[in-house]
Amino acid sequence: MNKSKTIFIITGPCGVGKSTISARLAQSFEKSVHINGDLIYHMVVGGYLPPWKDNGELMRLMWSNVSDLTKNYLERSYDIVVDYIVFPEHLKYLSDLRKRSGIILKYVILMANEEVIRERDNNRLTEQVMGERAIEVLNEFREKKIEDRYIVDTSDKSIEEIVFEIKMGERFIV
């Protein structure tokens, strides 16, 4: 690998703009991929459980699949944007990738205030509305007492401002 490649982990509660920011971030690179963790997790049909009810088996399988996809794209010199609800303890699933030379891992937590999250959630398609679960996830992130350096408040910023901050921000490097 001639040039360092970056794995961006874009996370946060429902309604902060993970998918929108991840897609735009991936589009900003010449050679990149956007891995949507929800799509990977929801590939399971028989035996499916919502992530917050899973005993860990489906989550481990999802992370194994994300890790394998990431390895495949890294071998072909892609920058990678992973979009999913990722708490700090989930970064262990990518630890073998961080050991590779020339790989930069950025962990970015998008946050917004409760009012903004409720508004954005209510503007989703009916089948995508999370309701109170969106606020529960917001509170889970708050309870983790995560270092401020990883957090970007999306409440009053444009998509372009957020993407620029993520691309240029060395504070996100794990």
C-alpha atoms as a PDB file:
ATOM      1  CA  MET A   1       0.000   0.000   0.000  1.00  0.00           C
ATOM      2  CA  ASN A   2       1.618   3.236  -1.134  1.00  0.00           C
ATOM      3  CA  LYS A   3      -0.628   5.748   0.572  1.00  0.00           C
ATOM      4  CA  SER A   4      -2.287   5.671   3.985  1.00  0.00           C
ATOM      5  CA  LYS A   5      -5.919   4.737   3.818  1.00  0.00           C
ATOM      6  CA  THR A   6      -8.505   5.780   6.355  1.00  0.00           C
ATOM      7  CA  ILE A   7     -11.319   3.879   8.006  1.00  0.00           C
ATOM      8  CA  PHE A   8     -13.941   6.332   9.223  1.00  0.00           C
ATOM      9  CA  ILE A   9     -16.347   5.032  11.850  1.00  0.00           C
ATOM     10  CA  ILE A  10     -19.343   7.383  11.747  1.00  0.00           C
ATOM     11  CA  THR A  11     -21.694   6.812  14.635  1.00  0.00           C
ATOM     12  CA  GLY A  12     -24.202   8.435  16.936  1.00  0.00           C
ATOM     13  CA  PRO A  13     -27.841   8.095  17.879  1.00  0.00           C
ATOM     14  CA  CYS A  14     -30.667   7.822  15.356  1.00  0.00           C
ATOM     15  CA  GLY A  15     -31.420  11.083  13.585  1.00  0.00           C
ATOM     16  CA  VAL A  16     -28.021  12.795  13.818  1.00  0.00           C
ATOM     17  CA  GLY A  17     -27.216  12.319  10.137  1.00  0.00           C
ATOM     18  CA  LYS A  18     -24.998   9.206  10.136  1.00  0.00           C
ATOM     19  CA  SER A  19     -26.163   7.917   6.761  1.00  0.00           C
ATOM     20  CA  THR A  20     -26.261  11.327   5.095  1.00  0.00           C
ATOM     21  CA  ILE A  21     -22.822  12.360   6.362  1.00  0.00           C
ATOM     22  CA  SER A  22     -21.328   8.925   5.636  1.00  0.00           C
ATOM     23  CA  ALA A  23     -22.580   8.938   2.047  1.00  0.00           C
ATOM     24  CA  ARG A  24     -21.309  12.468   1.435  1.00  0.00           C
ATOM     25  CA  LEU A  25     -17.967  11.726   3.108  1.00  0.00           C
ATOM     26  CA  ALA A  26     -17.475   8.617   0.952  1.00  0.00           C
ATOM     27  CA  GLN A  27     -18.366  10.615  -2.174  1.00  0.00           C
ATOM     28  CA  SER A  28     -15.610  13.117  -1.341  1.00  0.00           C
ATOM     29  CA  PHE A  29     -12.839  10.575  -2.008  1.00  0.00           C
ATOM     30  CA  GLU A  30     -11.567   9.367  -5.349  1.00  0.00           C
ATOM     31  CA  LYS A  31     -11.738   5.709  -4.306  1.00  0.00           C
ATOM     32  CA  SER A  32     -14.009   4.902  -1.381  1.00  0.00           C
ATOM     33  CA  VAL A  33     -16.770   2.683  -0.058  1.00  0.00           C
ATOM     34  CA  HIS A  34     -19.665   3.291   2.333  1.00  0.00           C
ATOM     35  CA  ILE A  35     -20.432   0.282   4.529  1.00  0.00           C
ATOM     36  CA  ASN A  36     -23.848   0.668   6.131  1.00  0.00           C
ATOM     37  CA  GLY A  37     -23.879  -1.509   9.263  1.00  0.00           C
ATOM     38  CA  ASP A  38     -27.689  -1.554   9.358  1.00  0.00           C
ATOM     39  CA  LEU A  39     -27.778  -3.225   5.941  1.00  0.00           C
ATOM     40  CA  ILE A  40     -25.252  -5.844   7.073  1.00  0.00           C
ATOM     41  CA  TYR A  41     -27.057  -6.484  10.379  1.00  0.00           C
ATOM     42  CA  HIS A  42     -30.469  -6.739   8.659  1.00  0.00           C
ATOM     43  CA  MET A  43     -29.235  -9.382   6.222  1.00  0.00           C
ATOM     44  CA  VAL A  44     -30.230 -11.932   8.863  1.00  0.00           C
ATOM     45  CA  VAL A  45     -33.841 -12.947   8.299  1.00  0.00           C
ATOM     46  CA  GLY A  46     -34.466 -16.196  10.195  1.00  0.00           C
ATOM     47  CA  GLY A  47     -33.438 -15.686  13.813  1.00  0.00           C
ATOM     48  CA  TYR A  48     -33.336 -11.910  13.501  1.00  0.00           C
ATOM     49  CA  LEU A  49     -33.406  -9.849  16.700  1.00  0.00           C
ATOM     50  CA  PRO A  50     -33.230  -6.063  16.999  1.00  0.00           C
ATOM     51  CA  PRO A  51     -29.671  -5.075  18.003  1.00  0.00           C
ATOM     52  CA  TRP A  52     -30.769  -3.871  21.447  1.00  0.00           C
ATOM     53  CA  LYS A  53     -32.296  -7.313  22.158  1.00  0.00           C
ATOM     54  CA  ASP A  54     -29.430  -9.363  20.700  1.00  0.00           C
ATOM     55  CA  ASN A  55     -27.340 -11.392  23.166  1.00  0.00           C
ATOM     56  CA  GLY A  56     -24.253 -10.492  21.141  1.00  0.00           C
ATOM     57  CA  GLU A  57     -24.247 -13.324  18.597  1.00  0.00           C
ATOM     58  CA  LEU A  58     -25.686 -11.322  15.693  1.00  0.00           C
ATOM     59  CA  MET A  59     -23.595  -8.289  16.625  1.00  0.00           C
ATOM     60  CA  ARG A  60     -20.387 -10.356  16.510  1.00  0.00           C
ATOM     61  CA  LEU A  61     -21.452 -11.785  13.142  1.00  0.00           C
ATOM     62  CA  MET A  62     -22.225  -8.315  11.804  1.00  0.00           C
ATOM     63  CA  TRP A  63     -18.809  -7.013  12.940  1.00  0.00           C
ATOM     64  CA  SER A  64     -17.064 -10.040  11.455  1.00  0.00           C
ATOM     65  CA  ASN A  65     -18.722  -9.265   8.121  1.00  0.00           C
ATOM     66  CA  VAL A  66     -17.887  -5.540   8.358  1.00  0.00           C
ATOM     67  CA  SER A  67     -14.279  -6.403   9.212  1.00  0.00           C
ATOM     68  CA  ASP A  68     -13.971  -8.801   6.263  1.00  0.00           C
ATOM     69  CA  LEU A  69     -15.474  -6.261   3.858  1.00  0.00           C
ATOM     70  CA  THR A  70     -13.146  -3.600   5.221  1.00  0.00           C
ATOM     71  CA  LYS A  71     -10.089  -5.842   4.727  1.00  0.00           C
ATOM     72  CA  ASN A  72     -11.119  -6.574   1.143  1.00  0.00           C
ATOM     73  CA  TYR A  73     -11.518  -2.896   0.295  1.00  0.00           C
ATOM     74  CA  LEU A  74      -8.295  -1.913   2.085  1.00  0.00           C
ATOM     75  CA  GLU A  75      -6.387  -4.454   0.005  1.00  0.00           C
ATOM     76  CA  ARG A  76      -7.652  -2.592  -3.044  1.00  0.00           C
ATOM     77  CA  SER A  77      -6.675   0.834  -1.623  1.00  0.00           C
ATOM     78  CA  TYR A  78     -10.116   2.196  -0.804  1.00  0.00           C
ATOM     79  CA  ASP A  79     -10.928   4.688   1.936  1.00  0.00           C
ATOM     80  CA  ILE A  80     -13.761   3.225   3.999  1.00  0.00           C
ATOM     81  CA  VAL A  81     -16.695   4.849   5.764  1.00  0.00           C
ATOM     82  CA  VAL A  82     -18.558   2.607   8.215  1.00  0.00           C
ATOM     83  CA  ASP A  83     -21.938   3.919   9.302  1.00  0.00           C
ATOM     84  CA  TYR A  84     -23.511   2.252  12.361  1.00  0.00           C
ATOM     85  CA  ILE A  85     -24.204   2.732  16.062  1.00  0.00           C
ATOM     86  CA  VAL A  86     -20.723   2.061  17.432  1.00  0.00           C
ATOM     87  CA  PHE A  87     -19.904   2.509  21.094  1.00  0.00           C
ATOM     88  CA  PRO A  88     -16.213   2.698  22.096  1.00  0.00           C
ATOM     89  CA  GLU A  89     -16.232  -0.928  23.246  1.00  0.00           C
ATOM     90  CA  HIS A  90     -17.158  -2.007  19.689  1.00  0.00           C
ATOM     91  CA  LEU A  91     -13.856  -0.670  18.320  1.00  0.00           C
ATOM     92  CA  LYS A  92     -12.257  -3.928  19.500  1.00  0.00           C
ATOM     93  CA  TYR A  93     -13.873  -5.616  16.491  1.00  0.00           C
ATOM     94  CA  LEU A  94     -11.612  -3.552  14.235  1.00  0.00           C
ATOM     95  CA  SER A  95      -8.435  -3.870  16.304  1.00  0.00           C
ATOM     96  CA  ASP A  96      -6.711  -6.217  13.832  1.00  0.00           C
ATOM     97  CA  LEU A  97      -7.274  -3.666  11.060  1.00  0.00           C
ATOM     98  CA  ARG A  98      -5.700  -0.893  13.129  1.00  0.00           C
ATOM     99  CA  LYS A  99      -2.487  -2.924  13.397  1.00  0.00           C
ATOM    100  CA  ARG A 100      -1.921  -2.825   9.632  1.00  0.00           C
ATOM    101  CA  SER A 101       0.671  -0.320   8.519  1.00  0.00           C
ATOM    102  CA  GLY A 102      -0.595   2.784   6.800  1.00  0.00           C
ATOM    103  CA  ILE A 103      -4.130   2.511   8.181  1.00  0.00           C
ATOM    104  CA  ILE A 104      -5.702   5.456   9.978  1.00  0.00           C
ATOM    105  CA  LEU A 105      -8.843   4.848  12.035  1.00  0.00           C
ATOM    106  CA  LYS A 106     -11.082   7.823  12.780  1.00  0.00           C
ATOM    107  CA  TYR A 107     -13.928   7.463  15.273  1.00  0.00           C
ATOM    108  CA  VAL A 108     -16.558  10.178  14.869  1.00  0.00           C
ATOM    109  CA  ILE A 109     -19.651  10.484  17.036  1.00  0.00           C
ATOM    110  CA  LEU A 110     -22.328  12.686  15.538  1.00  0.00           C
ATOM    111  CA  MET A 111     -24.627  14.170  18.164  1.00  0.00           C
ATOM    112  CA  ALA A 112     -27.566  16.569  18.227  1.00  0.00           C
ATOM    113  CA  ASN A 113     -29.885  17.846  20.894  1.00  0.00           C
ATOM    114  CA  GLU A 114     -33.035  15.920  21.753  1.00  0.00           C
ATOM    115  CA  GLU A 115     -35.346  18.349  19.957  1.00  0.00           C
ATOM    116  CA  VAL A 116     -33.406  18.037  16.688  1.00  0.00           C
ATOM    117  CA  ILE A 117     -33.295  14.239  16.971  1.00  0.00           C
ATOM    118  CA  ARG A 118     -37.066  14.027  17.536  1.00  0.00           C
ATOM    119  CA  GLU A 119     -37.710  16.350  14.588  1.00  0.00           C
ATOM    120  CA  ARG A 120     -35.425  14.423  12.231  1.00  0.00           C
ATOM    121  CA  ASP A 121     -36.828  11.078  13.390  1.00  0.00           C
ATOM    122  CA  ASN A 122     -40.385  12.273  12.759  1.00  0.00           C
ATOM    123  CA  ASN A 123     -39.406  13.301   9.207  1.00  0.00           C
ATOM    124  CA  ARG A 124     -38.273   9.756   8.326  1.00  0.00           C
ATOM    125  CA  LEU A 125     -40.319   7.278   6.354  1.00  0.00           C
ATOM    126  CA  THR A 126     -42.901   5.662   8.645  1.00  0.00           C
ATOM    127  CA  GLU A 127     -41.114   2.287   8.682  1.00  0.00           C
ATOM    128  CA  GLN A 128     -37.835   3.986   9.712  1.00  0.00           C
ATOM    129  CA  VAL A 129     -39.160   6.055  12.635  1.00  0.00           C
ATOM    130  CA  MET A 130     -37.423   5.001  15.866  1.00  0.00           C
ATOM    131  CA  GLY A 131     -39.511   7.074  18.304  1.00  0.00           C
ATOM    132  CA  GLU A 132     -38.340   6.805  21.903  1.00  0.00           C
ATOM    133  CA  ARG A 133     -35.595   4.372  20.904  1.00  0.00           C
ATOM    134  CA  ALA A 134     -33.794   7.332  19.264  1.00  0.00           C
ATOM    135  CA  ILE A 135     -33.729   9.161  22.613  1.00  0.00           C
ATOM    136  CA  GLU A 136     -32.670   5.998  24.457  1.00  0.00           C
ATOM    137  CA  VAL A 137     -29.643   5.697  22.139  1.00  0.00           C
ATOM    138  CA  LEU A 138     -28.857   9.400  22.622  1.00  0.00           C
ATOM    139  CA  ASN A 139     -28.848   8.808  26.388  1.00  0.00           C
ATOM    140  CA  GLU A 140     -26.663   5.692  25.962  1.00  0.00           C
ATOM    141  CA  PHE A 141     -24.047   7.801  24.210  1.00  0.00           C
ATOM    142  CA  ARG A 142     -24.277  10.476  26.920  1.00  0.00           C
ATOM    143  CA  GLU A 143     -23.884   7.871  29.694  1.00  0.00           C
ATOM    144  CA  LYS A 144     -20.684   6.503  28.105  1.00  0.00           C
ATOM    145  CA  LYS A 145     -18.852   9.762  28.978  1.00  0.00           C
ATOM    146  CA  ILE A 146     -16.924   9.608  25.711  1.00  0.00           C
ATOM    147  CA  GLU A 147     -14.071  12.041  25.153  1.00  0.00           C
ATOM    148  CA  ASP A 148     -15.311  15.294  23.595  1.00  0.00           C
ATOM    149  CA  ARG A 149     -12.651  15.100  20.882  1.00  0.00           C
ATOM    150  CA  TYR A 150     -14.666  12.398  19.092  1.00  0.00           C
ATOM    151  CA  ILE A 151     -17.959  14.335  19.115  1.00  0.00           C
ATOM    152  CA  VAL A 152     -19.392  16.577  16.391  1.00  0.00           C
ATOM    153  CA  ASP A 153     -22.679  18.360  17.131  1.00  0.00           C
ATOM    154  CA  THR A 154     -24.715  18.301  13.915  1.00  0.00           C
ATOM    155  CA  SER A 155     -27.605  20.420  15.224  1.00  0.00           C
ATOM    156  CA  ASP A 156     -26.606  23.653  13.479  1.00  0.00           C
ATOM    157  CA  LYS A 157     -23.979  22.656  10.889  1.00  0.00           C
ATOM    158  CA  SER A 158     -24.262  22.032   7.173  1.00  0.00           C
ATOM    159  CA  ILE A 159     -23.392  18.662   5.681  1.00  0.00           C
ATOM    160  CA  GLU A 160     -20.370  20.228   3.962  1.00  0.00           C
ATOM    161  CA  GLU A 161     -19.082  21.715   7.246  1.00  0.00           C
ATOM    162  CA  ILE A 162     -19.377  18.367   9.007  1.00  0.00           C
ATOM    163  CA  VAL A 163     -17.672  16.423   6.205  1.00  0.00           C
ATOM    164  CA  PHE A 164     -14.805  18.937   6.120  1.00  0.00           C
ATOM    165  CA  GLU A 165     -14.404  18.746   9.906  1.00  0.00           C
ATOM    166  CA  ILE A 166     -14.258  14.943   9.786  1.00  0.00           C
ATOM    167  CA  LYS A 167     -11.798  14.784   6.884  1.00  0.00           C
ATOM    168  CA  MET A 168      -9.430  17.358   8.387  1.00  0.00           C
ATOM    169  CA  GLY A 169      -9.858  16.488  12.063  1.00  0.00           C
ATOM    170  CA  GLU A 170      -6.874  14.669  13.514  1.00  0.00           C
ATOM    171  CA  ARG A 171      -8.647  14.685  16.879  1.00  0.00           C
ATOM    172  CA  PHE A 172     -10.766  11.745  15.670  1.00  0.00           C
ATOM    173  CA  ILE A 173      -7.799   9.402  15.164  1.00  0.00           C
ATOM    174  CA  VAL A 174      -7.945   6.428  17.527  1.00  0.00           C
END
